[in-house]
Amino acid sequence: MLPRLLAGLVAAAALAGCERQPRADASALRDLIGAEPVVLLSTDWCGYCGKLRNDLGAWGVDYREIDVERSAEGQQAFALLRSPGVPVLLIGDEVVHGYTPRRIRRLLADAALLPGRPGVAPAVP
């Protein structure tokens, strides 16, 4: 009896997450912010945004940064994404929520946006 009850509670909890609003797709975001291959949505006080800025700079990646608090464009993009926080990085058609340097390096390498050999991501220092 108890295992079935627990299984039912787990299933109910999983289904409760299905009611979340879907996130905007990259094409709608691109219509708003333009065609730059790499765009960082950030704030000036966000520690992870600072880490991501440093990583992008160290990797030699050209990117456009939009402050989601200080610009109308940033506020609209952030609302469109329904993101839980910053940083948000747009790489081509991929939207990356949060600070995930390994995933970001891989996506940049796959999109040939890292200086050096295409498809090879440099190591994080």
PDB file of N, CA and C in Angstrom:
ATOM      1  N   MET A   1       0.820  -1.196   0.000  1.00  0.00           N
ATOM      2  CA  MET A   1       0.000   0.000   0.000  1.00  0.00           C
ATOM      3  C   MET A   1       0.866   1.264   0.000  1.00  0.00           C
ATOM      4  N   LEU A   2       1.855   1.317   0.887  1.00  0.00           N
ATOM      5  CA  LEU A   2       2.718   2.489   0.979  1.00  0.00           C
ATOM      6  C   LEU A   2       3.500   2.731  -0.317  1.00  0.00           C
ATOM      7  N   PRO A   3       4.066   1.692  -0.957  1.00  0.00           N
ATOM      8  CA  PRO A   3       4.765   1.946  -2.229  1.00  0.00           C
ATOM      9  C   PRO A   3       3.855   2.535  -3.301  1.00  0.00           C
ATOM     10  N   ARG A   4       2.603   2.076  -3.361  1.00  0.00           N
ATOM     11  CA  ARG A   4       1.666   2.629  -4.353  1.00  0.00           C
ATOM     12  C   ARG A   4       1.343   4.082  -4.044  1.00  0.00           C
ATOM     13  N   LEU A   5       1.185   4.392  -2.766  1.00  0.00           N
ATOM     14  CA  LEU A   5       0.904   5.769  -2.359  1.00  0.00           C
ATOM     15  C   LEU A   5       2.074   6.673  -2.735  1.00  0.00           C
ATOM     16  N   LEU A   6       3.291   6.217  -2.445  1.00  0.00           N
ATOM     17  CA  LEU A   6       4.473   7.002  -2.803  1.00  0.00           C
ATOM     18  C   LEU A   6       4.585   7.177  -4.314  1.00  0.00           C
ATOM     19  N   ALA A   7       4.325   6.119  -5.064  1.00  0.00           N
ATOM     20  CA  ALA A   7       4.374   6.214  -6.526  1.00  0.00           C
ATOM     21  C   ALA A   7       3.344   7.214  -7.033  1.00  0.00           C
ATOM     22  N   GLY A   8       2.159   7.221  -6.446  1.00  0.00           N
ATOM     23  CA  GLY A   8       1.121   8.175  -6.835  1.00  0.00           C
ATOM     24  C   GLY A   8       1.523   9.605  -6.533  1.00  0.00           C
ATOM     25  N   LEU A   9       2.138   9.830  -5.371  1.00  0.00           N
ATOM     26  CA  LEU A   9       2.589  11.178  -5.015  1.00  0.00           C
ATOM     27  C   LEU A   9       3.700  11.657  -5.947  1.00  0.00           C
ATOM     28  N   VAL A  10       4.616  10.771  -6.285  1.00  0.00           N
ATOM     29  CA  VAL A  10       5.693  11.132  -7.212  1.00  0.00           C
ATOM     30  C   VAL A  10       5.118  11.477  -8.584  1.00  0.00           C
ATOM     31  N   ALA A  11       4.173  10.694  -9.063  1.00  0.00           N
ATOM     32  CA  ALA A  11       3.545  10.963 -10.363  1.00  0.00           C
ATOM     33  C   ALA A  11       2.798  12.286 -10.344  1.00  0.00           C
ATOM     34  N   ALA A  12       2.081  12.569  -9.265  1.00  0.00           N
ATOM     35  CA  ALA A  12       1.347  13.836  -9.159  1.00  0.00           C
ATOM     36  C   ALA A  12       2.309  15.015  -9.148  1.00  0.00           C
ATOM     37  N   ALA A  13       3.411  14.878  -8.433  1.00  0.00           N
ATOM     38  CA  ALA A  13       4.399  15.959  -8.392  1.00  0.00           C
ATOM     39  C   ALA A  13       5.012  16.188  -9.773  1.00  0.00           C
ATOM     40  N   ALA A  14       5.279  15.114 -10.503  1.00  0.00           N
ATOM     41  CA  ALA A  14       5.846  15.251 -11.851  1.00  0.00           C
ATOM     42  C   ALA A  14       4.871  15.929 -12.795  1.00  0.00           C
ATOM     43  N   LEU A  15       3.605  15.570 -12.710  1.00  0.00           N
ATOM     44  CA  LEU A  15       2.596  16.179 -13.581  1.00  0.00           C
ATOM     45  C   LEU A  15       2.360  17.639 -13.239  1.00  0.00           C
ATOM     46  N   ALA A  16       2.542  18.017 -11.996  1.00  0.00           N
ATOM     47  CA  ALA A  16       2.345  19.415 -11.604  1.00  0.00           C
ATOM     48  C   ALA A  16       3.305  20.323 -12.358  1.00  0.00           C
ATOM     49  N   GLY A  17       4.501  19.842 -12.663  1.00  0.00           N
ATOM     50  CA  GLY A  17       5.467  20.635 -13.410  1.00  0.00           C
ATOM     51  C   GLY A  17       5.088  20.839 -14.859  1.00  0.00           C
ATOM     52  N   CYS A  18       4.156  20.070 -15.383  1.00  0.00           N
ATOM     53  CA  CYS A  18       3.746  20.189 -16.787  1.00  0.00           C
ATOM     54  C   CYS A  18       2.926  21.440 -17.048  1.00  0.00           C
ATOM     55  N   GLU A  19       2.474  22.116 -16.016  1.00  0.00           N
ATOM     56  CA  GLU A  19       1.643  23.298 -16.200  1.00  0.00           C
ATOM     57  C   GLU A  19       2.462  24.555 -16.454  1.00  0.00           C
ATOM     58  N   ARG A  20       3.780  24.456 -16.349  1.00  0.00           N
ATOM     59  CA  ARG A  20       4.604  25.633 -16.568  1.00  0.00           C
ATOM     60  C   ARG A  20       4.423  26.147 -17.988  1.00  0.00           C
ATOM     61  N   GLN A  21       4.571  27.457 -18.141  1.00  0.00           N
ATOM     62  CA  GLN A  21       4.477  28.068 -19.459  1.00  0.00           C
ATOM     63  C   GLN A  21       5.689  27.661 -20.290  1.00  0.00           C
ATOM     64  N   PRO A  22       5.506  27.396 -21.582  1.00  0.00           N
ATOM     65  CA  PRO A  22       6.657  27.071 -22.420  1.00  0.00           C
ATOM     66  C   PRO A  22       7.540  28.294 -22.602  1.00  0.00           C
ATOM     67  N   ARG A  23       8.841  28.070 -22.731  1.00  0.00           N
ATOM     68  CA  ARG A  23       9.763  29.175 -22.962  1.00  0.00           C
ATOM     69  C   ARG A  23       9.711  29.571 -24.426  1.00  0.00           C
ATOM     70  N   ALA A  24      10.017  30.830 -24.669  1.00  0.00           N
ATOM     71  CA  ALA A  24      10.000  31.345 -26.038  1.00  0.00           C
ATOM     72  C   ALA A  24      11.072  30.655 -26.869  1.00  0.00           C
ATOM     73  N   ASP A  25      10.816  30.525 -28.140  1.00  0.00           N
ATOM     74  CA  ASP A  25      11.828  29.925 -28.998  1.00  0.00           C
ATOM     75  C   ASP A  25      12.841  30.975 -29.434  1.00  0.00           C
ATOM     76  N   ALA A  26      13.959  30.503 -29.932  1.00  0.00           N
ATOM     77  CA  ALA A  26      15.050  31.395 -30.298  1.00  0.00           C
ATOM     78  C   ALA A  26      14.677  32.330 -31.437  1.00  0.00           C
ATOM     79  N   SER A  27      13.823  31.893 -32.363  1.00  0.00           N
ATOM     80  CA  SER A  27      13.480  32.760 -33.497  1.00  0.00           C
ATOM     81  C   SER A  27      12.696  33.988 -33.039  1.00  0.00           C
ATOM     82  N   ALA A  28      11.793  33.828 -32.082  1.00  0.00           N
ATOM     83  CA  ALA A  28      11.054  34.981 -31.555  1.00  0.00           C
ATOM     84  C   ALA A  28      12.004  35.932 -30.837  1.00  0.00           C
ATOM     85  N   LEU A  29      12.949  35.371 -30.117  1.00  0.00           N
ATOM     86  CA  LEU A  29      13.936  36.200 -29.429  1.00  0.00           C
ATOM     87  C   LEU A  29      14.819  36.921 -30.440  1.00  0.00           C
ATOM     88  N   ARG A  30      15.203  36.235 -31.495  1.00  0.00           N
ATOM     89  CA  ARG A  30      16.028  36.851 -32.542  1.00  0.00           C
ATOM     90  C   ARG A  30      15.299  38.013 -33.211  1.00  0.00           C
ATOM     91  N   ASP A  31      14.001  37.884 -33.408  1.00  0.00           N
ATOM     92  CA  ASP A  31      13.229  38.982 -33.990  1.00  0.00           C
ATOM     93  C   ASP A  31      13.336  40.232 -33.123  1.00  0.00           C
ATOM     94  N   LEU A  32      13.443  40.034 -31.826  1.00  0.00           N
ATOM     95  CA  LEU A  32      13.514  41.155 -30.892  1.00  0.00           C
ATOM     96  C   LEU A  32      14.917  41.737 -30.784  1.00  0.00           C
ATOM     97  N   ILE A  33      15.928  40.894 -30.653  1.00  0.00           N
ATOM     98  CA  ILE A  33      17.264  41.399 -30.326  1.00  0.00           C
ATOM     99  C   ILE A  33      18.251  41.422 -31.482  1.00  0.00           C
ATOM    100  N   GLY A  34      17.910  40.857 -32.617  1.00  0.00           N
ATOM    101  CA  GLY A  34      18.799  40.936 -33.767  1.00  0.00           C
ATOM    102  C   GLY A  34      19.537  39.646 -34.057  1.00  0.00           C
ATOM    103  N   ALA A  35      20.433  39.720 -35.029  1.00  0.00           N
ATOM    104  CA  ALA A  35      21.053  38.521 -35.594  1.00  0.00           C
ATOM    105  C   ALA A  35      22.451  38.219 -35.076  1.00  0.00           C
ATOM    106  N   GLU A  36      22.959  38.963 -34.092  1.00  0.00           N
ATOM    107  CA  GLU A  36      24.293  38.650 -33.575  1.00  0.00           C
ATOM    108  C   GLU A  36      24.336  37.191 -33.133  1.00  0.00           C
ATOM    109  N   PRO A  37      25.412  36.471 -33.472  1.00  0.00           N
ATOM    110  CA  PRO A  37      25.458  35.040 -33.160  1.00  0.00           C
ATOM    111  C   PRO A  37      25.445  34.726 -31.662  1.00  0.00           C
ATOM    112  N   VAL A  38      26.054  35.600 -30.848  1.00  0.00           N
ATOM    113  CA  VAL A  38      26.118  35.358 -29.404  1.00  0.00           C
ATOM    114  C   VAL A  38      25.611  36.601 -28.682  1.00  0.00           C
ATOM    115  N   VAL A  39      24.572  36.413 -27.863  1.00  0.00           N
ATOM    116  CA  VAL A  39      23.981  37.524 -27.110  1.00  0.00           C
ATOM    117  C   VAL A  39      23.847  37.094 -25.653  1.00  0.00           C
ATOM    118  N   LEU A  40      24.343  37.943 -24.751  1.00  0.00           N
ATOM    119  CA  LEU A  40      24.272  37.696 -23.314  1.00  0.00           C
ATOM    120  C   LEU A  40      23.244  38.631 -22.696  1.00  0.00           C
ATOM    121  N   LEU A  41      22.236  38.056 -22.047  1.00  0.00           N
ATOM    122  CA  LEU A  41      21.280  38.835 -21.258  1.00  0.00           C
ATOM    123  C   LEU A  41      21.755  38.775 -19.819  1.00  0.00           C
ATOM    124  N   SER A  42      21.946  39.946 -19.201  1.00  0.00           N
ATOM    125  CA  SER A  42      22.601  39.985 -17.899  1.00  0.00           C
ATOM    126  C   SER A  42      22.138  41.183 -17.082  1.00  0.00           C
ATOM    127  N   THR A  43      22.719  41.296 -15.891  1.00  0.00           N
ATOM    128  CA  THR A  43      22.610  42.499 -15.067  1.00  0.00           C
ATOM    129  C   THR A  43      24.021  42.851 -14.604  1.00  0.00           C
ATOM    130  N   ASP A  44      24.201  44.070 -14.111  1.00  0.00           N
ATOM    131  CA  ASP A  44      25.544  44.458 -13.669  1.00  0.00           C
ATOM    132  C   ASP A  44      25.904  43.876 -12.304  1.00  0.00           C
ATOM    133  N   TRP A  45      24.927  43.476 -11.506  1.00  0.00           N
ATOM    134  CA  TRP A  45      25.188  42.966 -10.157  1.00  0.00           C
ATOM    135  C   TRP A  45      25.302  41.443 -10.085  1.00  0.00           C
ATOM    136  N   CYS A  46      25.005  40.746 -11.162  1.00  0.00           N
ATOM    137  CA  CYS A  46      24.960  39.281 -11.172  1.00  0.00           C
ATOM    138  C   CYS A  46      26.373  38.693 -11.227  1.00  0.00           C
ATOM    139  N   GLY A  47      26.739  37.930 -10.194  1.00  0.00           N
ATOM    140  CA  GLY A  47      28.059  37.318 -10.133  1.00  0.00           C
ATOM    141  C   GLY A  47      28.316  36.321 -11.251  1.00  0.00           C
ATOM    142  N   TYR A  48      27.316  35.494 -11.562  1.00  0.00           N
ATOM    143  CA  TYR A  48      27.489  34.517 -12.641  1.00  0.00           C
ATOM    144  C   TYR A  48      27.564  35.197 -14.003  1.00  0.00           C
ATOM    145  N   CYS A  49      26.885  36.339 -14.145  1.00  0.00           N
ATOM    146  CA  CYS A  49      27.012  37.111 -15.390  1.00  0.00           C
ATOM    147  C   CYS A  49      28.459  37.573 -15.548  1.00  0.00           C
ATOM    148  N   GLY A  50      29.060  38.031 -14.455  1.00  0.00           N
ATOM    149  CA  GLY A  50      30.459  38.451 -14.479  1.00  0.00           C
ATOM    150  C   GLY A  50      31.391  37.305 -14.841  1.00  0.00           C
ATOM    151  N   LYS A  51      31.137  36.126 -14.268  1.00  0.00           N
ATOM    152  CA  LYS A  51      31.956  34.955 -14.604  1.00  0.00           C
ATOM    153  C   LYS A  51      31.829  34.618 -16.086  1.00  0.00           C
ATOM    154  N   LEU A  52      30.605  34.687 -16.597  1.00  0.00           N
ATOM    155  CA  LEU A  52      30.390  34.369 -18.006  1.00  0.00           C
ATOM    156  C   LEU A  52      31.049  35.408 -18.909  1.00  0.00           C
ATOM    157  N   ARG A  53      30.977  36.690 -18.533  1.00  0.00           N
ATOM    158  CA  ARG A  53      31.681  37.734 -19.288  1.00  0.00           C
ATOM    159  C   ARG A  53      33.180  37.416 -19.354  1.00  0.00           C
ATOM    160  N   ASN A  54      33.746  37.063 -18.187  1.00  0.00           N
ATOM    161  CA  ASN A  54      35.177  36.738 -18.132  1.00  0.00           C
ATOM    162  C   ASN A  54      35.510  35.539 -19.014  1.00  0.00           C
ATOM    163  N   ASP A  55      34.677  34.502 -18.955  1.00  0.00           N
ATOM    164  CA  ASP A  55      34.909  33.311 -19.782  1.00  0.00           C
ATOM    165  C   ASP A  55      34.861  33.660 -21.265  1.00  0.00           C
ATOM    166  N   LEU A  56      33.825  34.375 -21.671  1.00  0.00           N
ATOM    167  CA  LEU A  56      33.690  34.734 -23.089  1.00  0.00           C
ATOM    168  C   LEU A  56      34.891  35.551 -23.554  1.00  0.00           C
ATOM    169  N   GLY A  57      35.338  36.479 -22.703  1.00  0.00           N
ATOM    170  CA  GLY A  57      36.521  37.270 -23.035  1.00  0.00           C
ATOM    171  C   GLY A  57      37.776  36.417 -23.130  1.00  0.00           C
ATOM    172  N   ALA A  58      37.960  35.508 -22.169  1.00  0.00           N
ATOM    173  CA  ALA A  58      39.136  34.631 -22.172  1.00  0.00           C
ATOM    174  C   ALA A  58      39.141  33.705 -23.384  1.00  0.00           C
ATOM    175  N   TRP A  59      37.970  33.308 -23.826  1.00  0.00           N
ATOM    176  CA  TRP A  59      37.861  32.420 -24.988  1.00  0.00           C
ATOM    177  C   TRP A  59      37.940  33.189 -26.306  1.00  0.00           C
ATOM    178  N   GLY A  60      37.939  34.526 -26.242  1.00  0.00           N
ATOM    179  CA  GLY A  60      38.016  35.335 -27.454  1.00  0.00           C
ATOM    180  C   GLY A  60      36.725  35.395 -28.242  1.00  0.00           C
ATOM    181  N   VAL A  61      35.589  35.233 -27.555  1.00  0.00           N
ATOM    182  CA  VAL A  61      34.287  35.205 -28.228  1.00  0.00           C
ATOM    183  C   VAL A  61      33.733  36.622 -28.343  1.00  0.00           C
ATOM    184  N   ASP A  62      33.334  37.001 -29.548  1.00  0.00           N
ATOM    185  CA  ASP A  62      32.631  38.266 -29.750  1.00  0.00           C
ATOM    186  C   ASP A  62      31.173  38.057 -29.375  1.00  0.00           C
ATOM    187  N   TYR A  63      30.625  38.971 -28.577  1.00  0.00           N
ATOM    188  CA  TYR A  63      29.230  38.840 -28.167  1.00  0.00           C
ATOM    189  C   TYR A  63      28.633  40.215 -27.908  1.00  0.00           C
ATOM    190  N   ARG A  64      27.330  40.260 -27.909  1.00  0.00           N
ATOM    191  CA  ARG A  64      26.580  41.468 -27.569  1.00  0.00           C
ATOM    192  C   ARG A  64      25.956  41.246 -26.202  1.00  0.00           C
ATOM    193  N   GLU A  65      26.055  42.239 -25.333  1.00  0.00           N
ATOM    194  CA  GLU A  65      25.467  42.132 -23.995  1.00  0.00           C
ATOM    195  C   GLU A  65      24.301  43.100 -23.870  1.00  0.00           C
ATOM    196  N   ILE A  66      23.202  42.605 -23.304  1.00  0.00           N
ATOM    197  CA  ILE A  66      22.012  43.426 -23.087  1.00  0.00           C
ATOM    198  C   ILE A  66      21.631  43.321 -21.615  1.00  0.00           C
ATOM    199  N   ASP A  67      21.568  44.455 -20.930  1.00  0.00           N
ATOM    200  CA  ASP A  67      21.172  44.490 -19.519  1.00  0.00           C
ATOM    201  C   ASP A  67      19.652  44.389 -19.433  1.00  0.00           C
ATOM    202  N   VAL A  68      19.161  43.395 -18.704  1.00  0.00           N
ATOM    203  CA  VAL A  68      17.716  43.154 -18.637  1.00  0.00           C
ATOM    204  C   VAL A  68      17.006  44.105 -17.685  1.00  0.00           C
ATOM    205  N   GLU A  69      17.757  44.904 -16.941  1.00  0.00           N
ATOM    206  CA  GLU A  69      17.142  45.878 -16.041  1.00  0.00           C
ATOM    207  C   GLU A  69      17.201  47.297 -16.585  1.00  0.00           C
ATOM    208  N   ARG A  70      18.220  47.590 -17.374  1.00  0.00           N
ATOM    209  CA  ARG A  70      18.443  48.972 -17.800  1.00  0.00           C
ATOM    210  C   ARG A  70      17.976  49.287 -19.214  1.00  0.00           C
ATOM    211  N   SER A  71      17.634  48.276 -19.986  1.00  0.00           N
ATOM    212  CA  SER A  71      17.191  48.563 -21.353  1.00  0.00           C
ATOM    213  C   SER A  71      15.812  47.963 -21.598  1.00  0.00           C
ATOM    214  N   ALA A  72      15.012  48.681 -22.357  1.00  0.00           N
ATOM    215  CA  ALA A  72      13.673  48.183 -22.705  1.00  0.00           C
ATOM    216  C   ALA A  72      13.786  46.901 -23.518  1.00  0.00           C
ATOM    217  N   GLU A  73      14.762  46.847 -24.408  1.00  0.00           N
ATOM    218  CA  GLU A  73      14.981  45.652 -25.219  1.00  0.00           C
ATOM    219  C   GLU A  73      15.300  44.448 -24.325  1.00  0.00           C
ATOM    220  N   GLY A  74      16.150  44.662 -23.327  1.00  0.00           N
ATOM    221  CA  GLY A  74      16.498  43.592 -22.402  1.00  0.00           C
ATOM    222  C   GLY A  74      15.317  43.137 -21.574  1.00  0.00           C
ATOM    223  N   GLN A  75      14.504  44.084 -21.125  1.00  0.00           N
ATOM    224  CA  GLN A  75      13.312  43.738 -20.344  1.00  0.00           C
ATOM    225  C   GLN A  75      12.333  42.926 -21.183  1.00  0.00           C
ATOM    226  N   GLN A  76      12.153  43.319 -22.441  1.00  0.00           N
ATOM    227  CA  GLN A  76      11.244  42.583 -23.327  1.00  0.00           C
ATOM    228  C   GLN A  76      11.764  41.178 -23.608  1.00  0.00           C
ATOM    229  N   ALA A  77      13.064  41.066 -23.856  1.00  0.00           N
ATOM    230  CA  ALA A  77      13.653  39.750 -24.129  1.00  0.00           C
ATOM    231  C   ALA A  77      13.524  38.840 -22.913  1.00  0.00           C
ATOM    232  N   PHE A  78      13.790  39.376 -21.736  1.00  0.00           N
ATOM    233  CA  PHE A  78      13.705  38.593 -20.503  1.00  0.00           C
ATOM    234  C   PHE A  78      12.271  38.136 -20.254  1.00  0.00           C
ATOM    235  N   ALA A  79      11.307  39.021 -20.498  1.00  0.00           N
ATOM    236  CA  ALA A  79       9.894  38.657 -20.330  1.00  0.00           C
ATOM    237  C   ALA A  79       9.486  37.595 -21.350  1.00  0.00           C
ATOM    238  N   LEU A  80       9.962  37.729 -22.568  1.00  0.00           N
ATOM    239  CA  LEU A  80       9.644  36.756 -23.612  1.00  0.00           C
ATOM    240  C   LEU A  80      10.157  35.363 -23.244  1.00  0.00           C
ATOM    241  N   LEU A  81      11.346  35.312 -22.662  1.00  0.00           N
ATOM    242  CA  LEU A  81      11.950  34.036 -22.282  1.00  0.00           C
ATOM    243  C   LEU A  81      11.311  33.401 -21.047  1.00  0.00           C
ATOM    244  N   ARG A  82      10.727  34.222 -20.205  1.00  0.00           N
ATOM    245  CA  ARG A  82      10.194  33.732 -18.918  1.00  0.00           C
ATOM    246  C   ARG A  82      11.277  32.995 -18.137  1.00  0.00           C
ATOM    247  N   SER A  83      12.461  33.540 -18.191  1.00  0.00           N
ATOM    248  CA  SER A  83      13.604  32.909 -17.532  1.00  0.00           C
ATOM    249  C   SER A  83      13.535  33.118 -16.025  1.00  0.00           C
ATOM    250  N   PRO A  84      13.994  32.130 -15.249  1.00  0.00           N
ATOM    251  CA  PRO A  84      14.001  32.296 -13.800  1.00  0.00           C
ATOM    252  C   PRO A  84      15.101  33.232 -13.318  1.00  0.00           C
ATOM    253  N   GLY A  85      16.044  33.579 -14.164  1.00  0.00           N
ATOM    254  CA  GLY A  85      17.123  34.466 -13.741  1.00  0.00           C
ATOM    255  C   GLY A  85      18.125  34.683 -14.852  1.00  0.00           C
ATOM    256  N   VAL A  86      19.201  35.361 -14.503  1.00  0.00           N
ATOM    257  CA  VAL A  86      20.293  35.627 -15.434  1.00  0.00           C
ATOM    258  C   VAL A  86      21.527  34.893 -14.926  1.00  0.00           C
ATOM    259  N   PRO A  87      22.491  34.638 -15.757  1.00  0.00           N
ATOM    260  CA  PRO A  87      22.606  35.006 -17.157  1.00  0.00           C
ATOM    261  C   PRO A  87      21.797  34.094 -18.075  1.00  0.00           C
ATOM    262  N   VAL A  88      21.463  34.651 -19.235  1.00  0.00           N
ATOM    263  CA  VAL A  88      20.878  33.882 -20.328  1.00  0.00           C
ATOM    264  C   VAL A  88      21.755  34.171 -21.540  1.00  0.00           C
ATOM    265  N   LEU A  89      22.204  33.123 -22.196  1.00  0.00           N
ATOM    266  CA  LEU A  89      23.079  33.285 -23.350  1.00  0.00           C
ATOM    267  C   LEU A  89      22.407  32.673 -24.567  1.00  0.00           C
ATOM    268  N   LEU A  90      22.337  33.444 -25.634  1.00  0.00           N
ATOM    269  CA  LEU A  90      21.808  32.958 -26.905  1.00  0.00           C
ATOM    270  C   LEU A  90      22.993  32.700 -27.825  1.00  0.00           C
ATOM    271  N   ILE A  91      23.125  31.446 -28.256  1.00  0.00           N
ATOM    272  CA  ILE A  91      24.193  31.037 -29.171  1.00  0.00           C
ATOM    273  C   ILE A  91      23.505  30.463 -30.397  1.00  0.00           C
ATOM    274  N   GLY A  92      23.493  31.227 -31.469  1.00  0.00           N
ATOM    275  CA  GLY A  92      22.738  30.791 -32.643  1.00  0.00           C
ATOM    276  C   GLY A  92      21.276  30.647 -32.266  1.00  0.00           C
ATOM    277  N   ASP A  93      20.732  29.441 -32.410  1.00  0.00           N
ATOM    278  CA  ASP A  93      19.336  29.190 -32.052  1.00  0.00           C
ATOM    279  C   ASP A  93      19.187  28.531 -30.688  1.00  0.00           C
ATOM    280  N   GLU A  94      20.275  28.374 -29.953  1.00  0.00           N
ATOM    281  CA  GLU A  94      20.237  27.743 -28.631  1.00  0.00           C
ATOM    282  C   GLU A  94      20.132  28.805 -27.541  1.00  0.00           C
ATOM    283  N   VAL A  95      19.249  28.581 -26.587  1.00  0.00           N
ATOM    284  CA  VAL A  95      19.107  29.462 -25.431  1.00  0.00           C
ATOM    285  C   VAL A  95      19.639  28.712 -24.219  1.00  0.00           C
ATOM    286  N   VAL A  96      20.648  29.292 -23.556  1.00  0.00           N
ATOM    287  CA  VAL A  96      21.263  28.670 -22.385  1.00  0.00           C
ATOM    288  C   VAL A  96      20.912  29.504 -21.162  1.00  0.00           C
ATOM    289  N   HIS A  97      20.207  28.897 -20.217  1.00  0.00           N
ATOM    290  CA  HIS A  97      19.826  29.571 -18.976  1.00  0.00           C
ATOM    291  C   HIS A  97      20.845  29.215 -17.902  1.00  0.00           C
ATOM    292  N   GLY A  98      21.412  30.227 -17.263  1.00  0.00           N
ATOM    293  CA  GLY A  98      22.345  29.983 -16.171  1.00  0.00           C
ATOM    294  C   GLY A  98      23.786  29.886 -16.633  1.00  0.00           C
ATOM    295  N   TYR A  99      24.658  29.682 -15.652  1.00  0.00           N
ATOM    296  CA  TYR A  99      26.100  29.613 -15.893  1.00  0.00           C
ATOM    297  C   TYR A  99      26.517  28.155 -16.005  1.00  0.00           C
ATOM    298  N   THR A 100      26.684  27.698 -17.232  1.00  0.00           N
ATOM    299  CA  THR A 100      27.083  26.316 -17.508  1.00  0.00           C
ATOM    300  C   THR A 100      28.245  26.341 -18.502  1.00  0.00           C
ATOM    301  N   PRO A 101      29.460  26.640 -18.024  1.00  0.00           N
ATOM    302  CA  PRO A 101      30.575  26.878 -18.946  1.00  0.00           C
ATOM    303  C   PRO A 101      30.898  25.713 -19.875  1.00  0.00           C
ATOM    304  N   ARG A 102      30.801  24.488 -19.418  1.00  0.00           N
ATOM    305  CA  ARG A 102      31.112  23.358 -20.310  1.00  0.00           C
ATOM    306  C   ARG A 102      30.120  23.276 -21.459  1.00  0.00           C
ATOM    307  N   ARG A 103      28.845  23.405 -21.142  1.00  0.00           N
ATOM    308  CA  ARG A 103      27.824  23.365 -22.201  1.00  0.00           C
ATOM    309  C   ARG A 103      28.003  24.541 -23.152  1.00  0.00           C
ATOM    310  N   ILE A 104      28.272  25.716 -22.601  1.00  0.00           N
ATOM    311  CA  ILE A 104      28.446  26.916 -23.419  1.00  0.00           C
ATOM    312  C   ILE A 104      29.645  26.752 -24.353  1.00  0.00           C
ATOM    313  N   ARG A 105      30.771  26.268 -23.825  1.00  0.00           N
ATOM    314  CA  ARG A 105      31.957  26.040 -24.670  1.00  0.00           C
ATOM    315  C   ARG A 105      31.653  25.064 -25.793  1.00  0.00           C
ATOM    316  N   ARG A 106      30.929  24.001 -25.457  1.00  0.00           N
ATOM    317  CA  ARG A 106      30.591  22.996 -26.474  1.00  0.00           C
ATOM    318  C   ARG A 106      29.717  23.607 -27.570  1.00  0.00           C
ATOM    319  N   LEU A 107      28.694  24.385 -27.173  1.00  0.00           N
ATOM    320  CA  LEU A 107      27.812  25.010 -28.163  1.00  0.00           C
ATOM    321  C   LEU A 107      28.569  26.014 -29.027  1.00  0.00           C
ATOM    322  N   LEU A 108      29.455  26.793 -28.410  1.00  0.00           N
ATOM    323  CA  LEU A 108      30.260  27.751 -29.171  1.00  0.00           C
ATOM    324  C   LEU A 108      31.166  27.024 -30.166  1.00  0.00           C
ATOM    325  N   ALA A 109      31.773  25.938 -29.727  1.00  0.00           N
ATOM    326  CA  ALA A 109      32.644  25.164 -30.622  1.00  0.00           C
ATOM    327  C   ALA A 109      31.840  24.556 -31.762  1.00  0.00           C
ATOM    328  N   ASP A 110      30.683  23.991 -31.445  1.00  0.00           N
ATOM    329  CA  ASP A 110      29.840  23.384 -32.482  1.00  0.00           C
ATOM    330  C   ASP A 110      29.388  24.408 -33.517  1.00  0.00           C
ATOM    331  N   ALA A 111      29.204  25.658 -33.076  1.00  0.00           N
ATOM    332  CA  ALA A 111      28.777  26.730 -33.981  1.00  0.00           C
ATOM    333  C   ALA A 111      29.966  27.438 -34.631  1.00  0.00           C
ATOM    334  N   ALA A 112      31.174  26.936 -34.398  1.00  0.00           N
ATOM    335  CA  ALA A 112      32.405  27.532 -34.940  1.00  0.00           C
ATOM    336  C   ALA A 112      32.544  28.993 -34.529  1.00  0.00           C
ATOM    337  N   LEU A 113      32.214  29.295 -33.279  1.00  0.00           N
ATOM    338  CA  LEU A 113      32.291  30.659 -32.772  1.00  0.00           C
ATOM    339  C   LEU A 113      33.447  30.863 -31.797  1.00  0.00           C
ATOM    340  N   LEU A 114      34.285  29.844 -31.639  1.00  0.00           N
ATOM    341  CA  LEU A 114      35.484  29.964 -30.809  1.00  0.00           C
ATOM    342  C   LEU A 114      36.687  30.157 -31.720  1.00  0.00           C
ATOM    343  N   PRO A 115      37.581  31.087 -31.385  1.00  0.00           N
ATOM    344  CA  PRO A 115      38.806  31.211 -32.168  1.00  0.00           C
ATOM    345  C   PRO A 115      39.611  29.911 -32.093  1.00  0.00           C
ATOM    346  N   GLY A 116      40.344  29.612 -33.126  1.00  0.00           N
ATOM    347  CA  GLY A 116      41.117  28.368 -33.153  1.00  0.00           C
ATOM    348  C   GLY A 116      40.459  27.364 -34.065  1.00  0.00           C
ATOM    349  N   ARG A 117      40.698  26.106 -33.790  1.00  0.00           N
ATOM    350  CA  ARG A 117      40.160  25.052 -34.655  1.00  0.00           C
ATOM    351  C   ARG A 117      38.656  24.916 -34.481  1.00  0.00           C
ATOM    352  N   PRO A 118      37.890  24.854 -35.581  1.00  0.00           N
ATOM    353  CA  PRO A 118      36.440  24.671 -35.480  1.00  0.00           C
ATOM    354  C   PRO A 118      36.110  23.359 -34.782  1.00  0.00           C
ATOM    355  N   GLY A 119      35.143  23.424 -33.895  1.00  0.00           N
ATOM    356  CA  GLY A 119      34.670  22.229 -33.210  1.00  0.00           C
ATOM    357  C   GLY A 119      35.510  21.811 -32.021  1.00  0.00           C
ATOM    358  N   VAL A 120      36.568  22.575 -31.687  1.00  0.00           N
ATOM    359  CA  VAL A 120      37.414  22.230 -30.542  1.00  0.00           C
ATOM    360  C   VAL A 120      37.287  23.329 -29.503  1.00  0.00           C
ATOM    361  N   ALA A 121      36.746  22.991 -28.357  1.00  0.00           N
ATOM    362  CA  ALA A 121      36.558  23.973 -27.293  1.00  0.00           C
ATOM    363  C   ALA A 121      37.802  24.020 -26.413  1.00  0.00           C
ATOM    364  N   PRO A 122      38.344  25.221 -26.148  1.00  0.00           N
ATOM    365  CA  PRO A 122      39.497  25.316 -25.258  1.00  0.00           C
ATOM    366  C   PRO A 122      39.098  24.973 -23.825  1.00  0.00           C
ATOM    367  N   ALA A 123      40.060  24.529 -23.065  1.00  0.00           N
ATOM    368  CA  ALA A 123      39.806  24.176 -21.665  1.00  0.00           C
ATOM    369  C   ALA A 123      39.581  25.431 -20.839  1.00  0.00           C
ATOM    370  N   VAL A 124      38.803  25.291 -19.787  1.00  0.00           N
ATOM    371  CA  VAL A 124      38.590  26.394 -18.850  1.00  0.00           C
ATOM    372  C   VAL A 124      39.778  26.437 -17.907  1.00  0.00           C
ATOM    373  N   PRO A 125      40.397  27.621 -17.715  1.00  0.00           N
ATOM    374  CA  PRO A 125      41.549  27.709 -16.801  1.00  0.00           C
ATOM    375  C   PRO A 125      41.141  27.440 -15.374  1.00  0.00           C
TER     376      PRO A 125
END
